[in-house]
PDB file of N, CA and C in Angstrom:
ATOM      1  N   MET A   1     -20.297   0.927  17.996  1.00  0.00           N
ATOM      2  CA  MET A   1     -20.202   1.238  16.580  1.00  0.00           C
ATOM      3  C   MET A   1     -20.661   0.023  15.777  1.00  0.00           C
ATOM      4  N   SER A   2     -21.462   0.252  14.756  1.00  0.00           N
ATOM      5  CA  SER A   2     -21.887  -0.861  13.911  1.00  0.00           C
ATOM      6  C   SER A   2     -20.723  -1.285  13.004  1.00  0.00           C
ATOM      7  N   ALA A   3     -20.764  -2.533  12.634  1.00  0.00           N
ATOM      8  CA  ALA A   3     -19.677  -3.092  11.813  1.00  0.00           C
ATOM      9  C   ALA A   3     -19.804  -2.629  10.363  1.00  0.00           C
ATOM     10  N   LEU A   4     -18.688  -2.660   9.675  1.00  0.00           N
ATOM     11  CA  LEU A   4     -18.697  -2.412   8.243  1.00  0.00           C
ATOM     12  C   LEU A   4     -19.487  -3.516   7.560  1.00  0.00           C
ATOM     13  N   GLU A   5     -20.193  -3.162   6.518  1.00  0.00           N
ATOM     14  CA  GLU A   5     -20.866  -4.155   5.685  1.00  0.00           C
ATOM     15  C   GLU A   5     -20.079  -4.222   4.374  1.00  0.00           C
ATOM     16  N   VAL A   6     -19.332  -5.299   4.190  1.00  0.00           N
ATOM     17  CA  VAL A   6     -18.478  -5.461   3.006  1.00  0.00           C
ATOM     18  C   VAL A   6     -19.078  -6.545   2.123  1.00  0.00           C
ATOM     19  N   ASP A   7     -19.349  -6.197   0.877  1.00  0.00           N
ATOM     20  CA  ASP A   7     -19.900  -7.141  -0.090  1.00  0.00           C
ATOM     21  C   ASP A   7     -18.942  -7.220  -1.278  1.00  0.00           C
ATOM     22  N   GLN A   8     -18.330  -8.380  -1.462  1.00  0.00           N
ATOM     23  CA  GLN A   8     -17.396  -8.587  -2.565  1.00  0.00           C
ATOM     24  C   GLN A   8     -17.908  -9.666  -3.518  1.00  0.00           C
ATOM     25  N   SER A   9     -19.231  -9.813  -3.583  1.00  0.00           N
ATOM     26  CA  SER A   9     -19.808 -10.898  -4.382  1.00  0.00           C
ATOM     27  C   SER A   9     -19.833 -10.610  -5.878  1.00  0.00           C
ATOM     28  N   GLY A  10     -19.721  -9.348  -6.279  1.00  0.00           N
ATOM     29  CA  GLY A  10     -19.743  -9.007  -7.703  1.00  0.00           C
ATOM     30  C   GLY A  10     -18.358  -8.649  -8.215  1.00  0.00           C
ATOM     31  N   ASP A  11     -18.310  -8.146  -9.444  1.00  0.00           N
ATOM     32  CA  ASP A  11     -17.039  -7.718 -10.035  1.00  0.00           C
ATOM     33  C   ASP A  11     -16.436  -6.546  -9.277  1.00  0.00           C
ATOM     34  N   ILE A  12     -17.302  -5.651  -8.820  1.00  0.00           N
ATOM     35  CA  ILE A  12     -16.859  -4.499  -8.027  1.00  0.00           C
ATOM     36  C   ILE A  12     -17.482  -4.623  -6.647  1.00  0.00           C
ATOM     37  N   GLY A  13     -16.646  -4.660  -5.623  1.00  0.00           N
ATOM     38  CA  GLY A  13     -17.135  -4.767  -4.254  1.00  0.00           C
ATOM     39  C   GLY A  13     -17.609  -3.422  -3.743  1.00  0.00           C
ATOM     40  N   HIS A  14     -18.301  -3.459  -2.622  1.00  0.00           N
ATOM     41  CA  HIS A  14     -18.726  -2.216  -1.993  1.00  0.00           C
ATOM     42  C   HIS A  14     -18.774  -2.389  -0.489  1.00  0.00           C
ATOM     43  N   VAL A  15     -18.603  -1.262   0.204  1.00  0.00           N
ATOM     44  CA  VAL A  15     -18.583  -1.217   1.660  1.00  0.00           C
ATOM     45  C   VAL A  15     -19.615  -0.188   2.088  1.00  0.00           C
ATOM     46  N   HIS A  16     -20.400  -0.536   3.116  1.00  0.00           N
ATOM     47  CA  HIS A  16     -21.437   0.361   3.622  1.00  0.00           C
ATOM     48  C   HIS A  16     -21.247   0.593   5.119  1.00  0.00           C
ATOM     49  N   HIS A  17     -21.600   1.797   5.560  1.00  0.00           N
ATOM     50  CA  HIS A  17     -21.618   2.119   6.984  1.00  0.00           C
ATOM     51  C   HIS A  17     -22.474   3.371   7.175  1.00  0.00           C
ATOM     52  N   PRO A  18     -23.151   3.490   8.312  1.00  0.00           N
ATOM     53  CA  PRO A  18     -23.972   4.681   8.543  1.00  0.00           C
ATOM     54  C   PRO A  18     -23.168   5.983   8.634  1.00  0.00           C
ATOM     55  N   ARG A  19     -21.909   5.900   9.069  1.00  0.00           N
ATOM     56  CA  ARG A  19     -21.116   7.116   9.301  1.00  0.00           C
ATOM     57  C   ARG A  19     -19.994   7.264   8.279  1.00  0.00           C
ATOM     58  N   ARG A  20     -19.911   8.442   7.675  1.00  0.00           N
ATOM     59  CA  ARG A  20     -18.879   8.737   6.683  1.00  0.00           C
ATOM     60  C   ARG A  20     -17.479   8.611   7.275  1.00  0.00           C
ATOM     61  N   GLN A  21     -17.287   9.092   8.514  1.00  0.00           N
ATOM     62  CA  GLN A  21     -15.957   9.079   9.123  1.00  0.00           C
ATOM     63  C   GLN A  21     -15.407   7.663   9.248  1.00  0.00           C
ATOM     64  N   VAL A  22     -16.261   6.698   9.497  1.00  0.00           N
ATOM     65  CA  VAL A  22     -15.801   5.303   9.594  1.00  0.00           C
ATOM     66  C   VAL A  22     -15.232   4.846   8.246  1.00  0.00           C
ATOM     67  N   LEU A  23     -15.900   5.217   7.153  1.00  0.00           N
ATOM     68  CA  LEU A  23     -15.382   4.838   5.833  1.00  0.00           C
ATOM     69  C   LEU A  23     -14.098   5.593   5.507  1.00  0.00           C
ATOM     70  N   LEU A  24     -13.988   6.844   5.938  1.00  0.00           N
ATOM     71  CA  LEU A  24     -12.731   7.574   5.742  1.00  0.00           C
ATOM     72  C   LEU A  24     -11.600   6.897   6.516  1.00  0.00           C
ATOM     73  N   ASP A  25     -11.880   6.465   7.734  1.00  0.00           N
ATOM     74  CA  ASP A  25     -10.875   5.744   8.526  1.00  0.00           C
ATOM     75  C   ASP A  25     -10.512   4.416   7.866  1.00  0.00           C
ATOM     76  N   PHE A  26     -11.516   3.725   7.307  1.00  0.00           N
ATOM     77  CA  PHE A  26     -11.265   2.462   6.604  1.00  0.00           C
ATOM     78  C   PHE A  26     -10.410   2.707   5.367  1.00  0.00           C
ATOM     79  N   MET A  27     -10.699   3.781   4.638  1.00  0.00           N
ATOM     80  CA  MET A  27      -9.922   4.156   3.466  1.00  0.00           C
ATOM     81  C   MET A  27      -8.455   4.379   3.858  1.00  0.00           C
ATOM     82  N   ASN A  28      -8.207   5.060   4.960  1.00  0.00           N
ATOM     83  CA  ASN A  28      -6.833   5.289   5.432  1.00  0.00           C
ATOM     84  C   ASN A  28      -6.168   3.973   5.834  1.00  0.00           C
ATOM     85  N   HIS A  29      -6.933   3.077   6.438  1.00  0.00           N
ATOM     86  CA  HIS A  29      -6.427   1.745   6.796  1.00  0.00           C
ATOM     87  C   HIS A  29      -6.003   0.997   5.526  1.00  0.00           C
ATOM     88  N   LEU A  30      -6.836   1.066   4.488  1.00  0.00           N
ATOM     89  CA  LEU A  30      -6.495   0.396   3.236  1.00  0.00           C
ATOM     90  C   LEU A  30      -5.225   0.986   2.636  1.00  0.00           C
ATOM     91  N   LYS A  31      -5.139   2.309   2.594  1.00  0.00           N
ATOM     92  CA  LYS A  31      -3.950   2.976   2.044  1.00  0.00           C
ATOM     93  C   LYS A  31      -2.688   2.565   2.794  1.00  0.00           C
ATOM     94  N   SER A  32      -2.771   2.538   4.116  1.00  0.00           N
ATOM     95  CA  SER A  32      -1.587   2.218   4.917  1.00  0.00           C
ATOM     96  C   SER A  32      -1.148   0.764   4.746  1.00  0.00           C
ATOM     97  N   ASN A  33      -2.030  -0.064   4.190  1.00  0.00           N
ATOM     98  CA  ASN A  33      -1.706  -1.469   3.923  1.00  0.00           C
ATOM     99  C   ASN A  33      -1.490  -1.737   2.440  1.00  0.00           C
ATOM    100  N   GLY A  34      -1.280  -0.667   1.661  1.00  0.00           N
ATOM    101  CA  GLY A  34      -0.927  -0.815   0.262  1.00  0.00           C
ATOM    102  C   GLY A  34      -2.083  -1.082  -0.688  1.00  0.00           C
ATOM    103  N   TYR A  35      -3.309  -0.974  -0.216  1.00  0.00           N
ATOM    104  CA  TYR A  35      -4.480  -1.186  -1.075  1.00  0.00           C
ATOM    105  C   TYR A  35      -4.960   0.179  -1.539  1.00  0.00           C
ATOM    106  N   LEU A  36      -4.913   0.427  -2.842  1.00  0.00           N
ATOM    107  CA  LEU A  36      -5.201   1.764  -3.359  1.00  0.00           C
ATOM    108  C   LEU A  36      -6.335   1.793  -4.381  1.00  0.00           C
ATOM    109  N   ARG A  37      -7.026   0.704  -4.587  1.00  0.00           N
ATOM    110  CA  ARG A  37      -8.052   0.644  -5.633  1.00  0.00           C
ATOM    111  C   ARG A  37      -9.447   0.692  -5.019  1.00  0.00           C
ATOM    112  N   PHE A  38      -9.896   1.898  -4.685  1.00  0.00           N
ATOM    113  CA  PHE A  38     -11.213   2.102  -4.088  1.00  0.00           C
ATOM    114  C   PHE A  38     -11.704   3.496  -4.441  1.00  0.00           C
ATOM    115  N   SER A  39     -12.986   3.725  -4.258  1.00  0.00           N
ATOM    116  CA  SER A  39     -13.546   5.058  -4.448  1.00  0.00           C
ATOM    117  C   SER A  39     -13.566   5.777  -3.107  1.00  0.00           C
ATOM    118  N   TYR A  40     -13.746   7.085  -3.169  1.00  0.00           N
ATOM    119  CA  TYR A  40     -13.961   7.837  -1.940  1.00  0.00           C
ATOM    120  C   TYR A  40     -15.386   7.602  -1.459  1.00  0.00           C
ATOM    121  N   PRO A  41     -15.622   7.669  -0.140  1.00  0.00           N
ATOM    122  CA  PRO A  41     -16.981   7.475   0.380  1.00  0.00           C
ATOM    123  C   PRO A  41     -17.955   8.495  -0.208  1.00  0.00           C
ATOM    124  N   MET A  42     -19.174   8.022  -0.445  1.00  0.00           N
ATOM    125  CA  MET A  42     -20.227   8.872  -1.008  1.00  0.00           C
ATOM    126  C   MET A  42     -21.555   8.505  -0.350  1.00  0.00           C
ATOM    127  N   PRO A  43     -22.523   9.422  -0.381  1.00  0.00           N
ATOM    128  CA  PRO A  43     -23.842   9.076   0.174  1.00  0.00           C
ATOM    129  C   PRO A  43     -24.415   7.862  -0.548  1.00  0.00           C
ATOM    130  N   ASN A  44     -25.053   6.998   0.192  1.00  0.00           N
ATOM    131  CA  ASN A  44     -25.646   5.795  -0.384  1.00  0.00           C
ATOM    132  C   ASN A  44     -27.023   6.157  -0.936  1.00  0.00           C
ATOM    133  N   GLN A  45     -27.082   6.462  -2.208  1.00  0.00           N
ATOM    134  CA  GLN A  45     -28.330   6.894  -2.831  1.00  0.00           C
ATOM    135  C   GLN A  45     -29.295   5.731  -3.036  1.00  0.00           C
ATOM    136  N   GLU A  46     -28.762   4.533  -3.203  1.00  0.00           N
ATOM    137  CA  GLU A  46     -29.629   3.371  -3.406  1.00  0.00           C
ATOM    138  C   GLU A  46     -30.463   3.084  -2.161  1.00  0.00           C
ATOM    139  N   ARG A  47     -29.856   3.161  -1.002  1.00  0.00           N
ATOM    140  CA  ARG A  47     -30.562   2.885   0.253  1.00  0.00           C
ATOM    141  C   ARG A  47     -31.226   4.132   0.829  1.00  0.00           C
ATOM    142  N   GLY A  48     -30.763   5.303   0.395  1.00  0.00           N
ATOM    143  CA  GLY A  48     -31.339   6.541   0.894  1.00  0.00           C
ATOM    144  C   GLY A  48     -30.815   6.980   2.244  1.00  0.00           C
ATOM    145  N   GLU A  49     -29.851   6.247   2.792  1.00  0.00           N
ATOM    146  CA  GLU A  49     -29.245   6.629   4.069  1.00  0.00           C
ATOM    147  C   GLU A  49     -27.879   5.986   4.180  1.00  0.00           C
ATOM    148  N   GLY A  50     -27.028   6.571   5.003  1.00  0.00           N
ATOM    149  CA  GLY A  50     -25.694   6.026   5.206  1.00  0.00           C
ATOM    150  C   GLY A  50     -24.742   6.377   4.081  1.00  0.00           C
ATOM    151  N   TRP A  51     -23.592   5.710   4.111  1.00  0.00           N
ATOM    152  CA  TRP A  51     -22.486   5.990   3.183  1.00  0.00           C
ATOM    153  C   TRP A  51     -21.980   4.695   2.578  1.00  0.00           C
ATOM    154  N   MET A  52     -21.328   4.812   1.427  1.00  0.00           N
ATOM    155  CA  MET A  52     -20.763   3.627   0.772  1.00  0.00           C
ATOM    156  C   MET A  52     -19.532   4.011  -0.019  1.00  0.00           C
ATOM    157  N   MET A  53     -18.743   3.008  -0.348  1.00  0.00           N
ATOM    158  CA  MET A  53     -17.578   3.184  -1.218  1.00  0.00           C
ATOM    159  C   MET A  53     -17.391   1.905  -2.026  1.00  0.00           C
ATOM    160  N   PHE A  54     -16.774   2.034  -3.195  1.00  0.00           N
ATOM    161  CA  PHE A  54     -16.518   0.882  -4.054  1.00  0.00           C
ATOM    162  C   PHE A  54     -15.107   0.348  -3.843  1.00  0.00           C
ATOM    163  N   LEU A  55     -14.957  -0.961  -4.030  1.00  0.00           N
ATOM    164  CA  LEU A  55     -13.661  -1.645  -3.992  1.00  0.00           C
ATOM    165  C   LEU A  55     -13.410  -2.207  -5.387  1.00  0.00           C
ATOM    166  N   TYR A  56     -12.280  -1.861  -5.976  1.00  0.00           N
ATOM    167  CA  TYR A  56     -12.006  -2.263  -7.349  1.00  0.00           C
ATOM    168  C   TYR A  56     -11.103  -3.479  -7.481  1.00  0.00           C
ATOM    169  N   GLU A  57     -10.721  -4.073  -6.371  1.00  0.00           N
ATOM    170  CA  GLU A  57     -10.062  -5.377  -6.363  1.00  0.00           C
ATOM    171  C   GLU A  57     -10.363  -6.021  -5.026  1.00  0.00           C
ATOM    172  N   PRO A  58     -10.337  -7.341  -4.949  1.00  0.00           N
ATOM    173  CA  PRO A  58     -10.730  -8.031  -3.716  1.00  0.00           C
ATOM    174  C   PRO A  58      -9.842  -7.673  -2.525  1.00  0.00           C
ATOM    175  N   LEU A  59     -10.466  -7.609  -1.375  1.00  0.00           N
ATOM    176  CA  LEU A  59      -9.769  -7.407  -0.089  1.00  0.00           C
ATOM    177  C   LEU A  59      -9.682  -8.746   0.630  1.00  0.00           C
ATOM    178  N   SER A  60      -8.629  -8.941   1.381  1.00  0.00           N
ATOM    179  CA  SER A  60      -8.557 -10.140   2.215  1.00  0.00           C
ATOM    180  C   SER A  60      -9.437  -9.932   3.454  1.00  0.00           C
ATOM    181  N   GLN A  61      -9.991 -11.025   3.940  1.00  0.00           N
ATOM    182  CA  GLN A  61     -10.789 -10.953   5.166  1.00  0.00           C
ATOM    183  C   GLN A  61      -9.931 -10.478   6.332  1.00  0.00           C
ATOM    184  N   GLU A  62      -8.662 -10.833   6.307  1.00  0.00           N
ATOM    185  CA  GLU A  62      -7.733 -10.414   7.356  1.00  0.00           C
ATOM    186  C   GLU A  62      -7.617  -8.892   7.423  1.00  0.00           C
ATOM    187  N   LEU A  63      -7.542  -8.237   6.265  1.00  0.00           N
ATOM    188  CA  LEU A  63      -7.452  -6.784   6.231  1.00  0.00           C
ATOM    189  C   LEU A  63      -8.719  -6.140   6.795  1.00  0.00           C
ATOM    190  N   ILE A  64      -9.866  -6.699   6.483  1.00  0.00           N
ATOM    191  CA  ILE A  64     -11.135  -6.203   7.028  1.00  0.00           C
ATOM    192  C   ILE A  64     -11.159  -6.412   8.539  1.00  0.00           C
ATOM    193  N   ASP A  65     -10.785  -7.606   8.977  1.00  0.00           N
ATOM    194  CA  ASP A  65     -10.799  -7.930  10.410  1.00  0.00           C
ATOM    195  C   ASP A  65      -9.841  -7.041  11.201  1.00  0.00           C
ATOM    196  N   GLN A  66      -8.688  -6.709  10.640  1.00  0.00           N
ATOM    197  CA  GLN A  66      -7.726  -5.833  11.324  1.00  0.00           C
ATOM    198  C   GLN A  66      -8.342  -4.473  11.602  1.00  0.00           C
ATOM    199  N   PHE A  67      -9.112  -3.948  10.670  1.00  0.00           N
ATOM    200  CA  PHE A  67      -9.756  -2.648  10.866  1.00  0.00           C
ATOM    201  C   PHE A  67     -10.840  -2.750  11.932  1.00  0.00           C
ATOM    202  N   GLU A  68     -11.653  -3.784  11.873  1.00  0.00           N
ATOM    203  CA  GLU A  68     -12.764  -3.911  12.820  1.00  0.00           C
ATOM    204  C   GLU A  68     -12.271  -4.184  14.229  1.00  0.00           C
ATOM    205  N   ALA A  69     -11.084  -4.746  14.382  1.00  0.00           N
ATOM    206  CA  ALA A  69     -10.535  -5.035  15.697  1.00  0.00           C
ATOM    207  C   ALA A  69      -9.935  -3.797  16.351  1.00  0.00           C
ATOM    208  N   ALA A  70      -9.611  -2.792  15.542  1.00  0.00           N
ATOM    209  CA  ALA A  70      -8.960  -1.581  16.060  1.00  0.00           C
ATOM    210  C   ALA A  70      -9.926  -0.691  16.809  1.00  0.00           C
TER     211      ALA A  70
END
């Protein structure tokens, strides 16, 4: 499985992955850890392929790493 691509360099972060289900699983991981400020996954229209979601507050690297380790 390819890794999540998480970009938090701007005011609103975003996460990319080729598969929608991976982002849905990531969304559930965020919810279960009390992080509730994100969008639902949507087709990535800018790239023309894959899926993306927005993050409306910064995530810790630890939270990202916990998901990727699972």
